């Protein structure tokens, strides 16, 4: 059997009709989505399939929706004898990875990420926080510029995601982000693109949410991971359940070190890095880190079949 890593997408990869063809074709997907609806107490499936887009984009809906699709695809692959040797995810996607590693049940995870979404939305006043993607500036230069901007506007602005060479996401108070959009271009950034998000995620402004979230994390059952999971906070493998729980809390207000995770995966002698779930954002990032890397995107019934056929080839 080929040796593969599964990586799971985070917020921003959601689209209306996500998972619909899988739901229509596979009984186990219908059962899994029904489990999500029952655990959440509302019809998440109809929001996924019918929208409206604004409703699906609400963090409290986006997070369980993405987890549901990623887990559903993973379950089908497992039933066909296909499992990863290592796994990871981007931000929210880390929860999909932990379900795959049997560190937490899907039922508990879908409830947890729903609550996580609510806490993230309420942690900072609506409209007062923001994020932006900075293209074409290195981390050292960007860090110095952000420190200057923070002192200038007397507010918080920090690195949130280290995605790939030349693509770093920043997060913080909207006043600071607005200033950065103008000033970073003058400092050498190719582009600075404000992101359509509702808060300053993965910044220290999320620490109030993390305090409440810690209690939620400790209220559900965890096990040691059965396969290694690369954690967003450390970009290192984690297996032990107490460390998993602590890193999930820290993840809310810490940078996502995705570029480092992919570099580690590229050293694992894998046959492919497989993005499992809605969209193909992560596949694009992997290619920017190493254009020769073998990748697959498994997001619907067609790509699922294609990937299973490739796995069975000699």
C-alpha atoms as a PDB file:
ATOM      1  CA  UNK A   1       0.000   0.000   0.000  1.00  0.00           C
ATOM      2  CA  UNK A   2       1.231   3.477  -0.827  1.00  0.00           C
ATOM      3  CA  UNK A   3       2.258   5.738   2.055  1.00  0.00           C
ATOM      4  CA  UNK A   4       0.211   8.952   2.205  1.00  0.00           C
ATOM      5  CA  UNK A   5      -0.540  11.869   4.504  1.00  0.00           C
ATOM      6  CA  UNK A   6      -4.032  13.317   4.809  1.00  0.00           C
ATOM      7  CA  UNK A   7      -4.261  17.089   5.316  1.00  0.00           C
ATOM      8  CA  UNK A   8      -7.561  18.771   6.106  1.00  0.00           C
ATOM      9  CA  UNK A   9      -8.818  22.233   5.101  1.00  0.00           C
ATOM     10  CA  UNK A  10      -9.960  24.980   7.431  1.00  0.00           C
ATOM     11  CA  UNK A  11     -12.315  27.910   7.258  1.00  0.00           C
ATOM     12  CA  UNK A  12     -12.558  29.509   3.831  1.00  0.00           C
ATOM     13  CA  UNK A  13     -12.915  26.216   1.947  1.00  0.00           C
ATOM     14  CA  UNK A  14     -16.686  25.972   2.466  1.00  0.00           C
ATOM     15  CA  UNK A  15     -19.067  26.169  -0.521  1.00  0.00           C
ATOM     16  CA  UNK A  16     -22.811  25.666  -0.835  1.00  0.00           C
ATOM     17  CA  UNK A  17     -23.565  22.074  -1.949  1.00  0.00           C
ATOM     18  CA  UNK A  18     -20.411  20.769  -0.234  1.00  0.00           C
ATOM     19  CA  UNK A  19     -20.739  17.018   0.333  1.00  0.00           C
ATOM     20  CA  UNK A  20     -24.053  16.750  -1.515  1.00  0.00           C
ATOM     21  CA  UNK A  21     -22.961  14.223  -4.144  1.00  0.00           C
ATOM     22  CA  UNK A  22     -21.296  12.097  -1.466  1.00  0.00           C
ATOM     23  CA  UNK A  23     -24.498  12.217   0.604  1.00  0.00           C
ATOM     24  CA  UNK A  24     -26.537  11.019  -2.366  1.00  0.00           C
ATOM     25  CA  UNK A  25     -24.139   8.184  -3.225  1.00  0.00           C
ATOM     26  CA  UNK A  26     -22.994   6.773   0.135  1.00  0.00           C
ATOM     27  CA  UNK A  27     -25.155   5.490   2.981  1.00  0.00           C
ATOM     28  CA  UNK A  28     -22.358   6.010   5.518  1.00  0.00           C
ATOM     29  CA  UNK A  29     -22.194   9.709   4.589  1.00  0.00           C
ATOM     30  CA  UNK A  30     -25.927  10.097   5.195  1.00  0.00           C
ATOM     31  CA  UNK A  31     -25.526   8.430   8.587  1.00  0.00           C
ATOM     32  CA  UNK A  32     -22.584  10.658   9.523  1.00  0.00           C
ATOM     33  CA  UNK A  33     -24.380  13.855   8.496  1.00  0.00           C
ATOM     34  CA  UNK A  34     -27.452  12.705  10.454  1.00  0.00           C
ATOM     35  CA  UNK A  35     -25.199  12.253  13.499  1.00  0.00           C
ATOM     36  CA  UNK A  36     -24.008  15.852  13.107  1.00  0.00           C
ATOM     37  CA  UNK A  37     -27.579  17.156  12.852  1.00  0.00           C
ATOM     38  CA  UNK A  38     -28.642  15.228  15.951  1.00  0.00           C
ATOM     39  CA  UNK A  39     -25.640  16.328  17.992  1.00  0.00           C
ATOM     40  CA  UNK A  40     -26.007  19.990  17.000  1.00  0.00           C
ATOM     41  CA  UNK A  41     -29.779  20.081  17.347  1.00  0.00           C
ATOM     42  CA  UNK A  42     -30.430  21.698  13.976  1.00  0.00           C
ATOM     43  CA  UNK A  43     -30.304  20.777  10.277  1.00  0.00           C
ATOM     44  CA  UNK A  44     -26.704  21.503   9.332  1.00  0.00           C
ATOM     45  CA  UNK A  45     -27.060  19.362   6.200  1.00  0.00           C
ATOM     46  CA  UNK A  46     -29.640  21.676   4.616  1.00  0.00           C
ATOM     47  CA  UNK A  47     -27.364  24.688   5.264  1.00  0.00           C
ATOM     48  CA  UNK A  48     -24.493  22.826   3.594  1.00  0.00           C
ATOM     49  CA  UNK A  49     -26.536  21.810   0.570  1.00  0.00           C
ATOM     50  CA  UNK A  50     -28.839  24.812   0.107  1.00  0.00           C
ATOM     51  CA  UNK A  51     -27.208  27.729   1.906  1.00  0.00           C
ATOM     52  CA  UNK A  52     -27.741  30.587   1.805  1.00  0.00           C
ATOM     53  CA  UNK A  53     -24.023  31.312   1.574  1.00  0.00           C
ATOM     54  CA  UNK A  54     -24.158  33.850   4.420  1.00  0.00           C
ATOM     55  CA  UNK A  55     -25.604  31.211   6.740  1.00  0.00           C
ATOM     56  CA  UNK A  56     -22.995  28.617   5.790  1.00  0.00           C
ATOM     57  CA  UNK A  57     -20.232  31.208   6.248  1.00  0.00           C
ATOM     58  CA  UNK A  58     -21.178  31.801   9.905  1.00  0.00           C
ATOM     59  CA  UNK A  59     -18.258  30.370  11.849  1.00  0.00           C
ATOM     60  CA  UNK A  60     -20.510  28.223  14.045  1.00  0.00           C
ATOM     61  CA  UNK A  61     -21.852  26.501  10.881  1.00  0.00           C
ATOM     62  CA  UNK A  62     -18.722  26.532   8.727  1.00  0.00           C
ATOM     63  CA  UNK A  63     -16.630  24.628  11.238  1.00  0.00           C
ATOM     64  CA  UNK A  64     -18.916  21.598  11.767  1.00  0.00           C
ATOM     65  CA  UNK A  65     -19.734  21.557   8.028  1.00  0.00           C
ATOM     66  CA  UNK A  66     -16.082  21.293   6.998  1.00  0.00           C
ATOM     67  CA  UNK A  67     -15.408  18.692   9.684  1.00  0.00           C
ATOM     68  CA  UNK A  68     -18.390  16.642   8.488  1.00  0.00           C
ATOM     69  CA  UNK A  69     -17.308  16.538   4.846  1.00  0.00           C
ATOM     70  CA  UNK A  70     -13.670  15.756   5.669  1.00  0.00           C
ATOM     71  CA  UNK A  71     -14.649  12.995   8.076  1.00  0.00           C
ATOM     72  CA  UNK A  72     -17.191  11.511   5.672  1.00  0.00           C
ATOM     73  CA  UNK A  73     -14.590  11.156   2.913  1.00  0.00           C
ATOM     74  CA  UNK A  74     -12.084   9.712   5.372  1.00  0.00           C
ATOM     75  CA  UNK A  75     -14.593   7.089   6.556  1.00  0.00           C
ATOM     76  CA  UNK A  76     -15.226   5.933   2.976  1.00  0.00           C
ATOM     77  CA  UNK A  77     -11.485   5.643   2.394  1.00  0.00           C
ATOM     78  CA  UNK A  78     -11.052   3.700   5.640  1.00  0.00           C
ATOM     79  CA  UNK A  79     -13.765   1.249   4.607  1.00  0.00           C
ATOM     80  CA  UNK A  80     -11.787   0.697   1.401  1.00  0.00           C
ATOM     81  CA  UNK A  81      -8.617  -0.025   3.347  1.00  0.00           C
ATOM     82  CA  UNK A  82      -7.010   3.378   2.760  1.00  0.00           C
ATOM     83  CA  UNK A  83      -5.590   5.151   5.806  1.00  0.00           C
ATOM     84  CA  UNK A  84      -2.848   7.752   6.234  1.00  0.00           C
ATOM     85  CA  UNK A  85       0.447   7.112   8.005  1.00  0.00           C
ATOM     86  CA  UNK A  86       0.431  10.676   9.324  1.00  0.00           C
ATOM     87  CA  UNK A  87      -2.039  13.550   9.270  1.00  0.00           C
ATOM     88  CA  UNK A  88      -2.549  17.259   9.923  1.00  0.00           C
ATOM     89  CA  UNK A  89      -4.919  20.111   9.174  1.00  0.00           C
ATOM     90  CA  UNK A  90      -5.011  23.857   8.683  1.00  0.00           C
ATOM     91  CA  UNK A  91      -6.516  25.546  11.754  1.00  0.00           C
ATOM     92  CA  UNK A  92      -9.995  23.990  12.050  1.00  0.00           C
ATOM     93  CA  UNK A  93      -8.707  21.129   9.884  1.00  0.00           C
ATOM     94  CA  UNK A  94      -6.648  19.905  12.836  1.00  0.00           C
ATOM     95  CA  UNK A  95      -9.902  18.592  14.345  1.00  0.00           C
ATOM     96  CA  UNK A  96     -10.558  16.475  11.253  1.00  0.00           C
ATOM     97  CA  UNK A  97      -7.022  15.112  11.612  1.00  0.00           C
ATOM     98  CA  UNK A  98      -7.643  14.233  15.267  1.00  0.00           C
ATOM     99  CA  UNK A  99     -10.872  12.401  14.386  1.00  0.00           C
ATOM    100  CA  UNK A 100      -8.945  10.455  11.736  1.00  0.00           C
ATOM    101  CA  UNK A 101      -6.305   9.575  14.342  1.00  0.00           C
ATOM    102  CA  UNK A 102      -9.068   8.354  16.716  1.00  0.00           C
ATOM    103  CA  UNK A 103      -8.043  10.885  19.350  1.00  0.00           C
ATOM    104  CA  UNK A 104     -11.661  12.087  19.581  1.00  0.00           C
ATOM    105  CA  UNK A 105     -15.001  10.860  18.272  1.00  0.00           C
ATOM    106  CA  UNK A 106     -16.691  12.631  15.381  1.00  0.00           C
ATOM    107  CA  UNK A 107     -19.778  13.213  17.527  1.00  0.00           C
ATOM    108  CA  UNK A 108     -17.781  15.011  20.234  1.00  0.00           C
ATOM    109  CA  UNK A 109     -15.662  16.880  17.699  1.00  0.00           C
ATOM    110  CA  UNK A 110     -18.611  18.249  15.722  1.00  0.00           C
ATOM    111  CA  UNK A 111     -20.170  19.628  18.898  1.00  0.00           C
ATOM    112  CA  UNK A 112     -16.836  21.059  20.040  1.00  0.00           C
ATOM    113  CA  UNK A 113     -16.081  22.926  16.811  1.00  0.00           C
ATOM    114  CA  UNK A 114     -19.620  24.339  16.759  1.00  0.00           C
ATOM    115  CA  UNK A 115     -18.998  25.798  20.207  1.00  0.00           C
ATOM    116  CA  UNK A 116     -15.503  26.856  19.123  1.00  0.00           C
ATOM    117  CA  UNK A 117     -17.083  28.814  16.280  1.00  0.00           C
ATOM    118  CA  UNK A 118     -19.473  30.582  18.632  1.00  0.00           C
ATOM    119  CA  UNK A 119     -16.661  31.519  21.019  1.00  0.00           C
ATOM    120  CA  UNK A 120     -14.490  32.826  18.196  1.00  0.00           C
ATOM    121  CA  UNK A 121     -17.351  34.987  16.939  1.00  0.00           C
ATOM    122  CA  UNK A 122     -18.052  36.446  20.375  1.00  0.00           C
ATOM    123  CA  UNK A 123     -14.462  36.851  21.625  1.00  0.00           C
ATOM    124  CA  UNK A 124     -13.989  40.289  20.103  1.00  0.00           C
ATOM    125  CA  UNK A 125     -16.560  42.978  19.195  1.00  0.00           C
ATOM    126  CA  UNK A 126     -18.066  42.397  15.766  1.00  0.00           C
ATOM    127  CA  UNK A 127     -16.474  44.546  13.086  1.00  0.00           C
ATOM    128  CA  UNK A 128     -13.556  45.555  15.319  1.00  0.00           C
ATOM    129  CA  UNK A 129     -11.184  42.747  14.293  1.00  0.00           C
ATOM    130  CA  UNK A 130      -9.902  41.693  10.905  1.00  0.00           C
ATOM    131  CA  UNK A 131      -7.336  39.655   8.963  1.00  0.00           C
ATOM    132  CA  UNK A 132      -5.392  40.124   5.730  1.00  0.00           C
ATOM    133  CA  UNK A 133      -3.137  38.060   3.475  1.00  0.00           C
ATOM    134  CA  UNK A 134       0.303  39.528   2.825  1.00  0.00           C
ATOM    135  CA  UNK A 135       1.932  38.385  -0.414  1.00  0.00           C
ATOM    136  CA  UNK A 136       5.589  38.733  -1.301  1.00  0.00           C
ATOM    137  CA  UNK A 137       7.116  39.677   2.071  1.00  0.00           C
ATOM    138  CA  UNK A 138       9.323  37.489   4.273  1.00  0.00           C
ATOM    139  CA  UNK A 139       8.507  36.761   7.901  1.00  0.00           C
ATOM    140  CA  UNK A 140      11.384  38.728   9.445  1.00  0.00           C
ATOM    141  CA  UNK A 141      10.615  41.901   7.504  1.00  0.00           C
ATOM    142  CA  UNK A 142       6.891  41.549   8.134  1.00  0.00           C
ATOM    143  CA  UNK A 143       7.376  41.065  11.892  1.00  0.00           C
ATOM    144  CA  UNK A 144       9.352  44.317  12.109  1.00  0.00           C
ATOM    145  CA  UNK A 145       6.728  46.203  10.099  1.00  0.00           C
ATOM    146  CA  UNK A 146       3.894  44.856  12.262  1.00  0.00           C
ATOM    147  CA  UNK A 147       5.682  45.981  15.426  1.00  0.00           C
ATOM    148  CA  UNK A 148       5.978  49.482  13.988  1.00  0.00           C
ATOM    149  CA  UNK A 149       2.305  49.552  12.978  1.00  0.00           C
ATOM    150  CA  UNK A 150       1.218  48.255  16.401  1.00  0.00           C
ATOM    151  CA  UNK A 151       3.126  51.080  18.125  1.00  0.00           C
ATOM    152  CA  UNK A 152       1.781  53.611  15.639  1.00  0.00           C
ATOM    153  CA  UNK A 153      -1.912  52.801  16.142  1.00  0.00           C
ATOM    154  CA  UNK A 154      -1.538  51.502  19.724  1.00  0.00           C
ATOM    155  CA  UNK A 155      -3.355  48.274  18.942  1.00  0.00           C
ATOM    156  CA  UNK A 156      -2.645  44.599  18.296  1.00  0.00           C
ATOM    157  CA  UNK A 157      -1.562  43.210  14.919  1.00  0.00           C
ATOM    158  CA  UNK A 158       0.217  39.856  14.626  1.00  0.00           C
ATOM    159  CA  UNK A 159       1.160  37.044  12.273  1.00  0.00           C
ATOM    160  CA  UNK A 160      -1.664  34.481  12.168  1.00  0.00           C
ATOM    161  CA  UNK A 161      -0.828  31.948   9.422  1.00  0.00           C
ATOM    162  CA  UNK A 162       2.506  31.026   7.876  1.00  0.00           C
ATOM    163  CA  UNK A 163       1.032  29.352   4.809  1.00  0.00           C
ATOM    164  CA  UNK A 164       3.782  29.085   2.213  1.00  0.00           C
ATOM    165  CA  UNK A 165       6.713  31.117   0.870  1.00  0.00           C
ATOM    166  CA  UNK A 166       5.421  34.580   0.088  1.00  0.00           C
ATOM    167  CA  UNK A 167       2.015  34.123   1.729  1.00  0.00           C
ATOM    168  CA  UNK A 168       1.523  35.121   5.362  1.00  0.00           C
ATOM    169  CA  UNK A 169      -1.793  36.020   6.993  1.00  0.00           C
ATOM    170  CA  UNK A 170      -1.949  38.771   9.621  1.00  0.00           C
ATOM    171  CA  UNK A 171      -4.620  39.299  12.264  1.00  0.00           C
ATOM    172  CA  UNK A 172      -5.588  41.940  14.785  1.00  0.00           C
ATOM    173  CA  UNK A 173      -7.617  45.058  15.447  1.00  0.00           C
ATOM    174  CA  UNK A 174      -9.302  46.426  12.320  1.00  0.00           C
ATOM    175  CA  UNK A 175      -7.623  49.811  12.708  1.00  0.00           C
ATOM    176  CA  UNK A 176      -4.218  48.138  12.651  1.00  0.00           C
ATOM    177  CA  UNK A 177      -5.095  45.881   9.705  1.00  0.00           C
ATOM    178  CA  UNK A 178      -6.396  48.868   7.721  1.00  0.00           C
ATOM    179  CA  UNK A 179      -3.131  50.692   8.376  1.00  0.00           C
ATOM    180  CA  UNK A 180      -1.146  47.611   7.356  1.00  0.00           C
ATOM    181  CA  UNK A 181      -2.973  47.320   4.028  1.00  0.00           C
ATOM    182  CA  UNK A 182      -1.553  50.710   3.048  1.00  0.00           C
ATOM    183  CA  UNK A 183       1.839  50.661   4.733  1.00  0.00           C
ATOM    184  CA  UNK A 184       2.995  47.126   3.919  1.00  0.00           C
ATOM    185  CA  UNK A 185       2.754  47.809   0.195  1.00  0.00           C
ATOM    186  CA  UNK A 186       5.070  50.780   0.647  1.00  0.00           C
ATOM    187  CA  UNK A 187       7.418  48.527   2.650  1.00  0.00           C
ATOM    188  CA  UNK A 188       7.749  46.022  -0.187  1.00  0.00           C
ATOM    189  CA  UNK A 189       4.774  43.651  -0.060  1.00  0.00           C
ATOM    190  CA  UNK A 190       3.447  42.731  -3.512  1.00  0.00           C
ATOM    191  CA  UNK A 191      -0.167  42.696  -2.342  1.00  0.00           C
ATOM    192  CA  UNK A 192      -2.109  42.961   0.921  1.00  0.00           C
ATOM    193  CA  UNK A 193      -5.584  41.498   0.677  1.00  0.00           C
ATOM    194  CA  UNK A 194      -8.198  41.992   3.442  1.00  0.00           C
ATOM    195  CA  UNK A 195      -9.973  38.708   4.181  1.00  0.00           C
ATOM    196  CA  UNK A 196     -13.754  38.298   4.576  1.00  0.00           C
ATOM    197  CA  UNK A 197     -13.650  37.106   8.182  1.00  0.00           C
ATOM    198  CA  UNK A 198     -15.533  38.234  11.243  1.00  0.00           C
ATOM    199  CA  UNK A 199     -12.721  38.407  13.775  1.00  0.00           C
ATOM    200  CA  UNK A 200      -8.983  38.533  14.551  1.00  0.00           C
ATOM    201  CA  UNK A 201      -8.449  34.769  14.578  1.00  0.00           C
ATOM    202  CA  UNK A 202      -5.103  33.234  15.634  1.00  0.00           C
ATOM    203  CA  UNK A 203      -4.082  36.405  17.437  1.00  0.00           C
ATOM    204  CA  UNK A 204      -3.732  37.207  21.128  1.00  0.00           C
ATOM    205  CA  UNK A 205      -7.142  38.919  20.902  1.00  0.00           C
ATOM    206  CA  UNK A 206      -8.591  35.381  20.963  1.00  0.00           C
ATOM    207  CA  UNK A 207      -7.250  34.613  24.439  1.00  0.00           C
ATOM    208  CA  UNK A 208     -10.597  35.332  26.183  1.00  0.00           C
ATOM    209  CA  UNK A 209     -12.206  32.721  23.939  1.00  0.00           C
ATOM    210  CA  UNK A 210      -9.384  30.281  24.710  1.00  0.00           C
ATOM    211  CA  UNK A 211     -10.080  30.485  28.439  1.00  0.00           C
ATOM    212  CA  UNK A 212     -13.682  29.401  27.933  1.00  0.00           C
ATOM    213  CA  UNK A 213     -12.733  26.905  25.245  1.00  0.00           C
ATOM    214  CA  UNK A 214     -10.327  25.120  27.567  1.00  0.00           C
ATOM    215  CA  UNK A 215     -13.236  24.028  29.755  1.00  0.00           C
ATOM    216  CA  UNK A 216     -15.146  22.689  26.735  1.00  0.00           C
ATOM    217  CA  UNK A 217     -12.091  20.727  25.577  1.00  0.00           C
ATOM    218  CA  UNK A 218     -11.709  19.104  28.981  1.00  0.00           C
ATOM    219  CA  UNK A 219     -15.395  18.152  29.141  1.00  0.00           C
ATOM    220  CA  UNK A 220     -15.161  15.571  26.321  1.00  0.00           C
ATOM    221  CA  UNK A 221     -13.344  12.254  26.042  1.00  0.00           C
ATOM    222  CA  UNK A 222      -9.909  12.133  24.418  1.00  0.00           C
ATOM    223  CA  UNK A 223      -7.536   9.289  23.617  1.00  0.00           C
ATOM    224  CA  UNK A 224      -3.931   9.190  22.548  1.00  0.00           C
ATOM    225  CA  UNK A 225      -3.737   9.518  18.763  1.00  0.00           C
ATOM    226  CA  UNK A 226      -3.300   6.224  16.899  1.00  0.00           C
ATOM    227  CA  UNK A 227      -1.255   7.927  14.170  1.00  0.00           C
ATOM    228  CA  UNK A 228       0.909  11.041  14.525  1.00  0.00           C
ATOM    229  CA  UNK A 229      -0.781  14.408  14.027  1.00  0.00           C
ATOM    230  CA  UNK A 230       1.284  17.473  13.190  1.00  0.00           C
ATOM    231  CA  UNK A 231       0.049  20.240  15.487  1.00  0.00           C
ATOM    232  CA  UNK A 232      -0.522  23.761  14.152  1.00  0.00           C
ATOM    233  CA  UNK A 233       1.078  25.448  17.159  1.00  0.00           C
ATOM    234  CA  UNK A 234       4.384  23.549  17.167  1.00  0.00           C
ATOM    235  CA  UNK A 235       4.613  22.065  13.635  1.00  0.00           C
ATOM    236  CA  UNK A 236       5.669  18.882  15.448  1.00  0.00           C
ATOM    237  CA  UNK A 237       4.057  15.457  15.790  1.00  0.00           C
ATOM    238  CA  UNK A 238       1.740  14.944  18.735  1.00  0.00           C
ATOM    239  CA  UNK A 239       0.179  11.729  20.031  1.00  0.00           C
ATOM    240  CA  UNK A 240      -0.386  12.137  23.791  1.00  0.00           C
ATOM    241  CA  UNK A 241      -3.916  13.291  24.638  1.00  0.00           C
ATOM    242  CA  UNK A 242      -3.034  15.852  27.319  1.00  0.00           C
ATOM    243  CA  UNK A 243      -0.673  17.597  24.927  1.00  0.00           C
ATOM    244  CA  UNK A 244      -3.319  17.491  22.185  1.00  0.00           C
ATOM    245  CA  UNK A 245      -5.844  19.240  24.424  1.00  0.00           C
ATOM    246  CA  UNK A 246      -3.430  21.971  25.502  1.00  0.00           C
ATOM    247  CA  UNK A 247      -2.296  22.661  21.933  1.00  0.00           C
ATOM    248  CA  UNK A 248      -5.897  22.983  20.716  1.00  0.00           C
ATOM    249  CA  UNK A 249      -6.489  25.709  23.293  1.00  0.00           C
ATOM    250  CA  UNK A 250      -3.263  27.502  22.334  1.00  0.00           C
ATOM    251  CA  UNK A 251      -4.150  27.162  18.648  1.00  0.00           C
ATOM    252  CA  UNK A 252      -6.940  29.742  19.003  1.00  0.00           C
ATOM    253  CA  UNK A 253      -4.447  32.550  19.650  1.00  0.00           C
ATOM    254  CA  UNK A 254      -1.249  31.178  18.054  1.00  0.00           C
ATOM    255  CA  UNK A 255       0.040  31.281  14.460  1.00  0.00           C
ATOM    256  CA  UNK A 256      -0.740  28.338  12.197  1.00  0.00           C
ATOM    257  CA  UNK A 257       2.672  27.029  11.098  1.00  0.00           C
ATOM    258  CA  UNK A 258       1.426  25.277   7.970  1.00  0.00           C
ATOM    259  CA  UNK A 259       4.516  25.814   5.807  1.00  0.00           C
ATOM    260  CA  UNK A 260       6.682  24.097   8.428  1.00  0.00           C
ATOM    261  CA  UNK A 261       4.204  21.214   8.688  1.00  0.00           C
ATOM    262  CA  UNK A 262       4.334  20.596   4.946  1.00  0.00           C
ATOM    263  CA  UNK A 263       8.137  20.760   4.972  1.00  0.00           C
ATOM    264  CA  UNK A 264       8.089  18.066   7.664  1.00  0.00           C
ATOM    265  CA  UNK A 265       5.667  15.942   5.632  1.00  0.00           C
ATOM    266  CA  UNK A 266       7.898  16.253   2.572  1.00  0.00           C
ATOM    267  CA  UNK A 267      10.664  14.616   4.635  1.00  0.00           C
ATOM    268  CA  UNK A 268       8.434  11.630   5.470  1.00  0.00           C
ATOM    269  CA  UNK A 269       9.106   9.697   2.220  1.00  0.00           C
ATOM    270  CA  UNK A 270       5.433   9.832   1.310  1.00  0.00           C
ATOM    271  CA  UNK A 271       3.943   8.791  -2.011  1.00  0.00           C
ATOM    272  CA  UNK A 272       1.492  11.717  -1.848  1.00  0.00           C
ATOM    273  CA  UNK A 273       0.042  14.470   0.320  1.00  0.00           C
ATOM    274  CA  UNK A 274      -3.742  14.230   0.044  1.00  0.00           C
ATOM    275  CA  UNK A 275      -6.121  17.107   0.790  1.00  0.00           C
ATOM    276  CA  UNK A 276      -9.318  15.521   2.105  1.00  0.00           C
ATOM    277  CA  UNK A 277     -12.414  17.727   2.207  1.00  0.00           C
ATOM    278  CA  UNK A 278     -14.026  20.719   0.577  1.00  0.00           C
ATOM    279  CA  UNK A 279     -11.912  22.789  -1.805  1.00  0.00           C
ATOM    280  CA  UNK A 280      -8.273  22.629  -2.858  1.00  0.00           C
ATOM    281  CA  UNK A 281      -6.659  25.501  -0.980  1.00  0.00           C
ATOM    282  CA  UNK A 282      -4.101  23.319   0.787  1.00  0.00           C
ATOM    283  CA  UNK A 283      -3.064  21.550  -2.393  1.00  0.00           C
ATOM    284  CA  UNK A 284      -2.193  24.956  -3.847  1.00  0.00           C
ATOM    285  CA  UNK A 285      -0.107  25.805  -0.773  1.00  0.00           C
ATOM    286  CA  UNK A 286       1.754  22.487  -0.938  1.00  0.00           C
ATOM    287  CA  UNK A 287       2.659  23.152  -4.577  1.00  0.00           C
ATOM    288  CA  UNK A 288       3.991  26.599  -3.650  1.00  0.00           C
ATOM    289  CA  UNK A 289       6.183  24.996  -0.990  1.00  0.00           C
ATOM    290  CA  UNK A 290       7.408  22.275  -3.370  1.00  0.00           C
ATOM    291  CA  UNK A 291       6.036  22.251  -6.912  1.00  0.00           C
ATOM    292  CA  UNK A 292       7.283  18.690  -7.472  1.00  0.00           C
ATOM    293  CA  UNK A 293       5.340  17.287  -4.511  1.00  0.00           C
ATOM    294  CA  UNK A 294       2.817  14.585  -5.421  1.00  0.00           C
ATOM    295  CA  UNK A 295      -0.642  15.728  -4.322  1.00  0.00           C
ATOM    296  CA  UNK A 296      -4.264  14.668  -4.567  1.00  0.00           C
ATOM    297  CA  UNK A 297      -7.425  16.635  -3.840  1.00  0.00           C
ATOM    298  CA  UNK A 298     -10.287  14.427  -2.641  1.00  0.00           C
ATOM    299  CA  UNK A 299     -13.384  16.598  -2.282  1.00  0.00           C
ATOM    300  CA  UNK A 300     -16.268  14.835  -4.049  1.00  0.00           C
ATOM    301  CA  UNK A 301     -17.411  11.479  -5.417  1.00  0.00           C
ATOM    302  CA  UNK A 302     -15.391  11.821  -8.637  1.00  0.00           C
ATOM    303  CA  UNK A 303     -12.057  12.704  -7.034  1.00  0.00           C
ATOM    304  CA  UNK A 304     -12.678  10.083  -4.336  1.00  0.00           C
ATOM    305  CA  UNK A 305     -12.982   7.351  -6.981  1.00  0.00           C
ATOM    306  CA  UNK A 306      -9.904   8.600  -8.841  1.00  0.00           C
ATOM    307  CA  UNK A 307      -7.810   8.588  -5.668  1.00  0.00           C
ATOM    308  CA  UNK A 308      -8.941   5.096  -4.645  1.00  0.00           C
ATOM    309  CA  UNK A 309      -8.025   3.786  -8.084  1.00  0.00           C
ATOM    310  CA  UNK A 310      -4.550   5.373  -7.825  1.00  0.00           C
ATOM    311  CA  UNK A 311      -4.031   3.841  -4.384  1.00  0.00           C
ATOM    312  CA  UNK A 312      -4.717   0.383  -5.810  1.00  0.00           C
ATOM    313  CA  UNK A 313      -2.181   0.739  -8.633  1.00  0.00           C
ATOM    314  CA  UNK A 314       1.136  -1.052  -8.271  1.00  0.00           C
END
